[in-house]
Amino acid sequence: MTAGSRTIELKETHAGAAVGRALKLSPDDRVVLIRRLRLADGDPMALETLHVPAALVPGLSREALENASFYELLEKEYGVVIESGMQSIEPTVTNEEESELLGVPLHSPAFLFERTSRTAGGETVEFVRSLYRGDRYRLVAELSQRRDRPATAVALVADPA
């Protein structure tokens, strides 16, 4: 499938309590909120909401975001390299707006991903909330009984059906 994205919203706003906590900012600090519809072969697959400290991305535009890797843009245009992060995954259902944007019935099953990402220096530079359609993905985990191997990761695999 060919990946793509469509920017739905791009605005600067106050971090607020929850986003400020995730980014280790004051609730009064400014962040850039980016909402993008993630696409596969033109079909909606996920709704992504990113929050980034505004000071890190001055002049960020919709055009720069269209069909681009946000991480590549951060590195090339702003000199910010993401090295690590923490991500959680949980099941949920879509609300009215999410259902409309994703093209699924109301209260459809979905996967909710929340992620904070950090630079090598430990600075938290991104808080992302992504909602993936439950009917187009499946979780796959490789399991091992060997004690000399590191913990395995769970992968979200797109279902081309």
N, C-alpha and C. Protein backbone atom coordinates (compact mmCIF):
# COMPACT_ATOMS: atom_id res chain seq x y z
N MET A 1 0.84 -1.18 0.00
CA MET A 1 0.00 0.00 0.00
C MET A 1 0.88 1.25 0.00
N THR A 2 0.41 2.29 -0.63
CA THR A 2 1.13 3.56 -0.67
C THR A 2 0.66 4.44 0.47
N ALA A 3 1.59 4.82 1.34
CA ALA A 3 1.26 5.64 2.50
C ALA A 3 1.12 7.10 2.10
N GLY A 4 0.25 7.81 2.80
CA GLY A 4 0.06 9.23 2.57
C GLY A 4 -0.58 9.85 3.80
N SER A 5 -0.77 11.16 3.75
CA SER A 5 -1.44 11.83 4.85
C SER A 5 -2.10 13.10 4.36
N ARG A 6 -3.08 13.55 5.11
CA ARG A 6 -3.77 14.80 4.83
C ARG A 6 -3.86 15.58 6.13
N THR A 7 -3.35 16.80 6.14
CA THR A 7 -3.39 17.63 7.34
C THR A 7 -4.79 18.21 7.49
N ILE A 8 -5.40 17.94 8.63
CA ILE A 8 -6.75 18.42 8.93
C ILE A 8 -6.69 19.72 9.71
N GLU A 9 -5.69 19.83 10.59
CA GLU A 9 -5.60 21.01 11.45
C GLU A 9 -4.14 21.25 11.80
N LEU A 10 -3.76 22.52 11.83
CA LEU A 10 -2.43 22.94 12.25
C LEU A 10 -2.61 24.28 12.94
N LYS A 11 -2.34 24.31 14.25
CA LYS A 11 -2.52 25.56 14.98
C LYS A 11 -1.61 25.59 16.19
N GLU A 12 -1.32 26.80 16.64
CA GLU A 12 -0.58 26.98 17.87
C GLU A 12 -1.57 27.25 18.99
N THR A 13 -1.34 26.62 20.14
CA THR A 13 -2.25 26.74 21.27
C THR A 13 -1.47 26.55 22.57
N HIS A 14 -2.14 26.77 23.70
CA HIS A 14 -1.53 26.49 24.99
C HIS A 14 -1.46 24.98 25.19
N ALA A 15 -0.44 24.52 25.90
CA ALA A 15 -0.27 23.08 26.13
C ALA A 15 -1.44 22.52 26.94
N GLY A 16 -1.89 23.24 27.94
CA GLY A 16 -2.93 22.71 28.83
C GLY A 16 -2.30 21.70 29.78
N ALA A 17 -3.10 21.20 30.70
CA ALA A 17 -2.59 20.33 31.76
C ALA A 17 -2.06 19.00 31.24
N ALA A 18 -2.86 18.26 30.49
CA ALA A 18 -2.48 16.91 30.07
C ALA A 18 -1.30 16.92 29.10
N VAL A 19 -1.35 17.77 28.08
CA VAL A 19 -0.27 17.84 27.10
C VAL A 19 0.99 18.41 27.75
N GLY A 20 0.81 19.42 28.59
CA GLY A 20 1.95 19.99 29.31
C GLY A 20 2.66 18.94 30.15
N ARG A 21 1.88 18.11 30.84
CA ARG A 21 2.46 17.04 31.65
C ARG A 21 3.23 16.06 30.76
N ALA A 22 2.65 15.67 29.63
CA ALA A 22 3.30 14.71 28.73
C ALA A 22 4.60 15.27 28.15
N LEU A 23 4.61 16.57 27.84
CA LEU A 23 5.79 17.19 27.23
C LEU A 23 6.72 17.84 28.26
N LYS A 24 6.35 17.74 29.53
CA LYS A 24 7.14 18.36 30.61
C LYS A 24 7.22 19.88 30.41
N LEU A 25 6.06 20.47 30.11
CA LEU A 25 5.94 21.91 29.91
C LEU A 25 4.93 22.47 30.90
N SER A 26 4.94 23.77 31.05
CA SER A 26 3.90 24.45 31.81
C SER A 26 2.61 24.41 30.99
N PRO A 27 1.45 24.32 31.63
CA PRO A 27 0.19 24.36 30.88
C PRO A 27 0.05 25.62 30.03
N ASP A 28 0.76 26.69 30.41
CA ASP A 28 0.69 27.95 29.67
C ASP A 28 1.61 28.00 28.46
N ASP A 29 2.59 27.09 28.39
CA ASP A 29 3.52 27.08 27.27
C ASP A 29 2.77 26.82 25.96
N ARG A 30 3.35 27.32 24.88
CA ARG A 30 2.74 27.18 23.55
C ARG A 30 3.22 25.88 22.89
N VAL A 31 2.27 25.19 22.25
CA VAL A 31 2.57 23.99 21.47
C VAL A 31 1.92 24.13 20.10
N VAL A 32 2.46 23.39 19.15
CA VAL A 32 1.82 23.29 17.84
C VAL A 32 1.03 21.99 17.85
N LEU A 33 -0.25 22.08 17.54
CA LEU A 33 -1.14 20.92 17.44
C LEU A 33 -1.30 20.61 15.96
N ILE A 34 -1.05 19.37 15.62
CA ILE A 34 -1.15 18.92 14.22
C ILE A 34 -2.08 17.72 14.20
N ARG A 35 -3.14 17.80 13.42
CA ARG A 35 -4.03 16.65 13.23
C ARG A 35 -3.91 16.22 11.78
N ARG A 36 -3.58 14.93 11.60
CA ARG A 36 -3.43 14.40 10.24
C ARG A 36 -4.22 13.12 10.10
N LEU A 37 -4.82 12.97 8.94
CA LEU A 37 -5.46 11.72 8.58
C LEU A 37 -4.41 10.91 7.83
N ARG A 38 -4.09 9.74 8.35
CA ARG A 38 -3.09 8.87 7.72
C ARG A 38 -3.80 7.98 6.72
N LEU A 39 -3.22 7.85 5.54
CA LEU A 39 -3.86 7.17 4.42
C LEU A 39 -3.03 6.00 3.92
N ALA A 40 -3.70 5.02 3.33
CA ALA A 40 -3.06 3.91 2.62
C ALA A 40 -3.81 3.73 1.32
N ASP A 41 -3.12 3.93 0.21
CA ASP A 41 -3.76 3.92 -1.11
C ASP A 41 -4.96 4.87 -1.15
N GLY A 42 -4.83 5.99 -0.46
CA GLY A 42 -5.87 7.01 -0.44
C GLY A 42 -6.98 6.78 0.55
N ASP A 43 -7.02 5.62 1.19
CA ASP A 43 -8.08 5.30 2.16
C ASP A 43 -7.64 5.69 3.56
N PRO A 44 -8.56 6.25 4.37
CA PRO A 44 -8.21 6.62 5.74
C PRO A 44 -7.93 5.39 6.60
N MET A 45 -6.81 5.43 7.31
CA MET A 45 -6.39 4.30 8.16
C MET A 45 -6.25 4.71 9.62
N ALA A 46 -5.87 5.97 9.87
CA ALA A 46 -5.64 6.41 11.24
C ALA A 46 -5.81 7.92 11.33
N LEU A 47 -6.13 8.36 12.51
CA LEU A 47 -6.23 9.78 12.82
C LEU A 47 -5.15 10.08 13.85
N GLU A 48 -4.24 10.98 13.52
CA GLU A 48 -3.08 11.26 14.35
C GLU A 48 -3.14 12.70 14.84
N THR A 49 -2.96 12.88 16.15
CA THR A 49 -2.90 14.22 16.74
C THR A 49 -1.56 14.37 17.44
N LEU A 50 -0.72 15.26 16.91
CA LEU A 50 0.62 15.50 17.46
C LEU A 50 0.63 16.83 18.21
N HIS A 51 1.41 16.86 19.28
CA HIS A 51 1.68 18.10 20.01
C HIS A 51 3.19 18.23 20.11
N VAL A 52 3.71 19.39 19.70
CA VAL A 52 5.15 19.65 19.70
C VAL A 52 5.35 21.04 20.29
N PRO A 53 6.36 21.23 21.17
CA PRO A 53 6.63 22.58 21.67
C PRO A 53 6.80 23.55 20.51
N ALA A 54 6.08 24.66 20.54
CA ALA A 54 6.09 25.62 19.44
C ALA A 54 7.49 26.16 19.15
N ALA A 55 8.30 26.31 20.18
CA ALA A 55 9.65 26.84 19.99
C ALA A 55 10.52 25.94 19.12
N LEU A 56 10.18 24.65 19.04
CA LEU A 56 10.98 23.72 18.23
C LEU A 56 10.69 23.79 16.75
N VAL A 57 9.50 24.25 16.36
CA VAL A 57 9.09 24.18 14.95
C VAL A 57 8.56 25.52 14.43
N PRO A 58 9.34 26.60 14.55
CA PRO A 58 8.85 27.90 14.05
C PRO A 58 8.59 27.85 12.55
N GLY A 59 7.47 28.42 12.14
CA GLY A 59 7.15 28.50 10.72
C GLY A 59 6.65 27.21 10.10
N LEU A 60 6.35 26.21 10.89
CA LEU A 60 5.84 24.94 10.34
C LEU A 60 4.56 25.19 9.55
N SER A 61 4.48 24.59 8.35
CA SER A 61 3.33 24.83 7.47
C SER A 61 2.66 23.51 7.09
N ARG A 62 1.41 23.63 6.65
CA ARG A 62 0.67 22.46 6.15
C ARG A 62 1.39 21.81 4.97
N GLU A 63 1.91 22.64 4.08
CA GLU A 63 2.57 22.13 2.89
C GLU A 63 3.77 21.24 3.25
N ALA A 64 4.51 21.63 4.27
CA ALA A 64 5.67 20.85 4.68
C ALA A 64 5.26 19.49 5.24
N LEU A 65 4.05 19.42 5.80
CA LEU A 65 3.57 18.18 6.41
C LEU A 65 2.95 17.19 5.43
N GLU A 66 2.44 17.69 4.31
CA GLU A 66 1.71 16.83 3.39
C GLU A 66 2.59 15.70 2.87
N ASN A 67 2.13 14.48 3.08
CA ASN A 67 2.80 13.27 2.59
C ASN A 67 4.29 13.25 2.93
N ALA A 68 4.62 13.76 4.12
CA ALA A 68 6.02 13.77 4.55
C ALA A 68 6.14 13.08 5.90
N SER A 69 7.31 12.55 6.16
CA SER A 69 7.61 11.98 7.47
C SER A 69 7.86 13.14 8.42
N PHE A 70 7.10 13.20 9.50
CA PHE A 70 7.29 14.27 10.47
C PHE A 70 8.68 14.20 11.10
N TYR A 71 9.18 12.99 11.34
CA TYR A 71 10.50 12.83 11.94
C TYR A 71 11.60 13.32 10.99
N GLU A 72 11.47 13.05 9.70
CA GLU A 72 12.46 13.56 8.73
C GLU A 72 12.40 15.08 8.67
N LEU A 73 11.20 15.64 8.70
CA LEU A 73 11.03 17.08 8.69
C LEU A 73 11.66 17.70 9.94
N LEU A 74 11.42 17.10 11.10
CA LEU A 74 12.02 17.60 12.35
C LEU A 74 13.54 17.63 12.24
N GLU A 75 14.11 16.55 11.69
CA GLU A 75 15.56 16.45 11.62
C GLU A 75 16.15 17.41 10.58
N LYS A 76 15.58 17.41 9.37
CA LYS A 76 16.15 18.20 8.27
C LYS A 76 15.93 19.70 8.45
N GLU A 77 14.73 20.10 8.86
CA GLU A 77 14.39 21.52 8.93
C GLU A 77 14.67 22.16 10.28
N TYR A 78 14.63 21.36 11.36
CA TYR A 78 14.73 21.94 12.70
C TYR A 78 15.87 21.36 13.53
N GLY A 79 16.61 20.39 12.99
CA GLY A 79 17.74 19.83 13.71
C GLY A 79 17.37 19.02 14.94
N VAL A 80 16.14 18.54 15.00
CA VAL A 80 15.67 17.76 16.14
C VAL A 80 15.64 16.29 15.74
N VAL A 81 16.43 15.47 16.44
CA VAL A 81 16.51 14.05 16.14
C VAL A 81 15.87 13.27 17.28
N ILE A 82 14.84 12.51 16.95
CA ILE A 82 14.18 11.68 17.95
C ILE A 82 14.94 10.37 18.06
N GLU A 83 15.31 10.03 19.30
CA GLU A 83 16.09 8.82 19.52
C GLU A 83 15.29 7.72 20.20
N SER A 84 14.35 8.08 21.06
CA SER A 84 13.61 7.06 21.80
C SER A 84 12.23 7.57 22.17
N GLY A 85 11.44 6.67 22.70
CA GLY A 85 10.11 7.07 23.11
C GLY A 85 9.43 5.98 23.91
N MET A 86 8.26 6.31 24.40
CA MET A 86 7.43 5.36 25.14
C MET A 86 6.04 5.41 24.51
N GLN A 87 5.52 4.22 24.19
CA GLN A 87 4.23 4.15 23.52
C GLN A 87 3.33 3.14 24.23
N SER A 88 2.07 3.51 24.37
CA SER A 88 1.08 2.58 24.92
C SER A 88 0.03 2.33 23.86
N ILE A 89 -0.59 1.15 23.92
CA ILE A 89 -1.63 0.76 22.98
C ILE A 89 -2.80 0.22 23.80
N GLU A 90 -4.00 0.68 23.47
CA GLU A 90 -5.18 0.14 24.15
C GLU A 90 -6.36 0.11 23.19
N PRO A 91 -7.29 -0.80 23.43
CA PRO A 91 -8.48 -0.85 22.59
C PRO A 91 -9.44 0.28 22.97
N THR A 92 -10.20 0.73 21.99
CA THR A 92 -11.21 1.76 22.22
C THR A 92 -12.25 1.65 21.12
N VAL A 93 -13.17 2.59 21.08
CA VAL A 93 -14.13 2.70 19.99
C VAL A 93 -14.14 4.14 19.49
N THR A 94 -14.56 4.34 18.27
CA THR A 94 -14.56 5.66 17.65
C THR A 94 -15.75 6.49 18.11
N ASN A 95 -15.52 7.80 18.21
CA ASN A 95 -16.64 8.71 18.47
C ASN A 95 -17.19 9.21 17.13
N GLU A 96 -18.12 10.14 17.17
CA GLU A 96 -18.78 10.59 15.94
C GLU A 96 -17.80 11.22 14.94
N GLU A 97 -16.96 12.15 15.42
CA GLU A 97 -16.01 12.82 14.53
C GLU A 97 -14.99 11.83 13.96
N GLU A 98 -14.45 10.98 14.81
CA GLU A 98 -13.46 10.00 14.38
C GLU A 98 -14.06 9.04 13.36
N SER A 99 -15.29 8.60 13.60
CA SER A 99 -15.96 7.69 12.67
C SER A 99 -16.11 8.32 11.30
N GLU A 100 -16.50 9.60 11.29
CA GLU A 100 -16.69 10.29 10.01
C GLU A 100 -15.37 10.43 9.26
N LEU A 101 -14.31 10.84 9.97
CA LEU A 101 -13.01 11.02 9.32
C LEU A 101 -12.42 9.70 8.83
N LEU A 102 -12.62 8.63 9.59
CA LEU A 102 -12.05 7.33 9.22
C LEU A 102 -12.96 6.53 8.29
N GLY A 103 -14.19 6.99 8.10
CA GLY A 103 -15.10 6.28 7.20
C GLY A 103 -15.59 4.96 7.76
N VAL A 104 -15.85 4.94 9.08
CA VAL A 104 -16.33 3.72 9.74
C VAL A 104 -17.61 4.04 10.52
N PRO A 105 -18.42 3.03 10.84
CA PRO A 105 -19.61 3.28 11.65
C PRO A 105 -19.26 3.80 13.05
N LEU A 106 -20.16 4.53 13.64
CA LEU A 106 -20.00 5.03 15.00
C LEU A 106 -19.71 3.89 15.96
N HIS A 107 -18.81 4.12 16.88
CA HIS A 107 -18.40 3.15 17.91
C HIS A 107 -17.70 1.91 17.32
N SER A 108 -17.03 2.10 16.21
CA SER A 108 -16.25 0.99 15.63
C SER A 108 -15.02 0.72 16.49
N PRO A 109 -14.59 -0.55 16.55
CA PRO A 109 -13.37 -0.88 17.30
C PRO A 109 -12.16 -0.16 16.71
N ALA A 110 -11.25 0.26 17.58
CA ALA A 110 -10.05 0.96 17.15
C ALA A 110 -8.93 0.70 18.15
N PHE A 111 -7.71 1.00 17.72
CA PHE A 111 -6.55 0.94 18.60
C PHE A 111 -6.12 2.38 18.89
N LEU A 112 -5.96 2.69 20.16
CA LEU A 112 -5.48 4.02 20.57
C LEU A 112 -4.02 3.90 20.98
N PHE A 113 -3.17 4.64 20.28
CA PHE A 113 -1.74 4.70 20.59
C PHE A 113 -1.46 6.06 21.21
N GLU A 114 -0.73 6.08 22.30
CA GLU A 114 -0.23 7.34 22.86
C GLU A 114 1.28 7.20 22.99
N ARG A 115 2.00 8.24 22.52
CA ARG A 115 3.46 8.15 22.48
C ARG A 115 4.08 9.48 22.88
N THR A 116 5.14 9.40 23.68
CA THR A 116 6.02 10.54 23.89
C THR A 116 7.37 10.15 23.30
N SER A 117 8.01 11.11 22.65
CA SER A 117 9.29 10.85 22.00
C SER A 117 10.33 11.83 22.53
N ARG A 118 11.58 11.33 22.63
CA ARG A 118 12.67 12.11 23.22
C ARG A 118 13.89 12.15 22.31
N THR A 119 14.69 13.20 22.53
CA THR A 119 15.98 13.33 21.86
C THR A 119 17.01 12.52 22.65
N ALA A 120 18.23 12.43 22.11
CA ALA A 120 19.32 11.73 22.80
C ALA A 120 19.61 12.38 24.14
N GLY A 121 19.36 13.69 24.25
CA GLY A 121 19.60 14.41 25.49
C GLY A 121 18.47 14.26 26.50
N GLY A 122 17.44 13.49 26.14
CA GLY A 122 16.33 13.25 27.07
C GLY A 122 15.22 14.27 27.03
N GLU A 123 15.28 15.23 26.10
CA GLU A 123 14.23 16.25 25.99
C GLU A 123 13.00 15.64 25.32
N THR A 124 11.85 15.76 25.96
CA THR A 124 10.60 15.27 25.38
C THR A 124 10.14 16.29 24.35
N VAL A 125 10.00 15.86 23.09
CA VAL A 125 9.72 16.79 22.00
C VAL A 125 8.40 16.52 21.28
N GLU A 126 7.71 15.45 21.68
CA GLU A 126 6.49 15.11 20.95
C GLU A 126 5.56 14.31 21.85
N PHE A 127 4.28 14.64 21.79
CA PHE A 127 3.24 13.81 22.39
C PHE A 127 2.23 13.54 21.28
N VAL A 128 2.00 12.27 20.99
CA VAL A 128 1.12 11.87 19.89
C VAL A 128 0.03 10.97 20.39
N ARG A 129 -1.15 11.21 19.88
CA ARG A 129 -2.31 10.35 20.14
C ARG A 129 -2.82 9.92 18.77
N SER A 130 -2.75 8.62 18.48
CA SER A 130 -3.16 8.10 17.17
C SER A 130 -4.27 7.08 17.34
N LEU A 131 -5.28 7.19 16.51
CA LEU A 131 -6.40 6.27 16.54
C LEU A 131 -6.40 5.49 15.22
N TYR A 132 -6.15 4.19 15.33
CA TYR A 132 -6.07 3.31 14.15
C TYR A 132 -7.36 2.51 14.02
N ARG A 133 -7.86 2.41 12.81
CA ARG A 133 -9.05 1.60 12.55
C ARG A 133 -8.83 0.16 12.98
N GLY A 134 -9.74 -0.38 13.75
CA GLY A 134 -9.63 -1.75 14.21
C GLY A 134 -9.89 -2.78 13.13
N ASP A 135 -10.60 -2.38 12.08
CA ASP A 135 -10.93 -3.34 11.02
C ASP A 135 -9.84 -3.46 9.97
N ARG A 136 -8.79 -2.65 10.06
CA ARG A 136 -7.74 -2.68 9.04
C ARG A 136 -6.37 -3.06 9.58
N TYR A 137 -6.30 -3.39 10.86
CA TYR A 137 -5.02 -3.74 11.48
C TYR A 137 -5.19 -4.96 12.36
N ARG A 138 -4.06 -5.60 12.65
CA ARG A 138 -4.03 -6.65 13.65
C ARG A 138 -2.71 -6.53 14.38
N LEU A 139 -2.70 -6.90 15.64
CA LEU A 139 -1.48 -6.89 16.44
C LEU A 139 -0.78 -8.23 16.29
N VAL A 140 0.53 -8.19 16.09
CA VAL A 140 1.33 -9.41 15.94
C VAL A 140 2.49 -9.31 16.92
N ALA A 141 2.73 -10.38 17.68
CA ALA A 141 3.84 -10.40 18.63
C ALA A 141 4.65 -11.67 18.42
N GLU A 142 5.96 -11.52 18.40
CA GLU A 142 6.84 -12.68 18.36
C GLU A 142 7.18 -13.04 19.79
N LEU A 143 7.02 -14.30 20.14
CA LEU A 143 7.27 -14.76 21.50
C LEU A 143 8.49 -15.65 21.53
N SER A 144 9.21 -15.60 22.65
CA SER A 144 10.40 -16.43 22.80
C SER A 144 10.55 -16.87 24.24
N GLN A 145 10.96 -18.08 24.43
CA GLN A 145 11.19 -18.62 25.76
C GLN A 145 12.65 -18.41 26.17
N ARG A 146 13.49 -17.99 25.23
CA ARG A 146 14.92 -17.82 25.52
C ARG A 146 15.14 -16.64 26.45
N ARG A 147 15.92 -16.85 27.47
CA ARG A 147 16.17 -15.80 28.47
C ARG A 147 17.30 -14.86 28.05
N ASP A 148 18.08 -15.24 27.04
CA ASP A 148 19.19 -14.39 26.61
C ASP A 148 18.78 -13.38 25.53
N ARG A 149 17.50 -13.36 25.17
CA ARG A 149 17.01 -12.42 24.15
C ARG A 149 16.30 -11.26 24.83
N PRO A 150 16.41 -10.07 24.28
CA PRO A 150 15.69 -8.93 24.86
C PRO A 150 14.18 -9.11 24.69
N ALA A 151 13.44 -8.33 25.45
CA ALA A 151 11.98 -8.39 25.37
C ALA A 151 11.54 -8.13 23.93
N THR A 152 10.49 -8.82 23.50
CA THR A 152 10.03 -8.66 22.13
C THR A 152 9.00 -7.54 22.06
N ALA A 153 8.83 -7.02 20.88
CA ALA A 153 7.90 -5.92 20.66
C ALA A 153 6.65 -6.43 19.95
N VAL A 154 5.58 -5.69 20.13
CA VAL A 154 4.33 -5.97 19.44
C VAL A 154 4.27 -5.06 18.22
N ALA A 155 3.86 -5.60 17.09
CA ALA A 155 3.76 -4.82 15.86
C ALA A 155 2.32 -4.69 15.42
N LEU A 156 1.96 -3.54 14.90
CA LEU A 156 0.66 -3.33 14.31
C LEU A 156 0.82 -3.52 12.81
N VAL A 157 0.11 -4.48 12.24
CA VAL A 157 0.26 -4.83 10.84
C VAL A 157 -1.02 -4.43 10.08
N ALA A 158 -0.86 -3.68 9.00
CA ALA A 158 -2.00 -3.28 8.19
C ALA A 158 -2.54 -4.48 7.44
N ASP A 159 -3.85 -4.59 7.40
CA ASP A 159 -4.53 -5.65 6.67
C ASP A 159 -4.97 -5.06 5.33
N PRO A 160 -4.40 -5.50 4.22
CA PRO A 160 -4.72 -4.88 2.93
C PRO A 160 -6.14 -5.17 2.43
N ALA A 161 -6.89 -5.97 3.16
CA ALA A 161 -8.24 -6.33 2.72
C ALA A 161 -9.17 -5.16 2.61
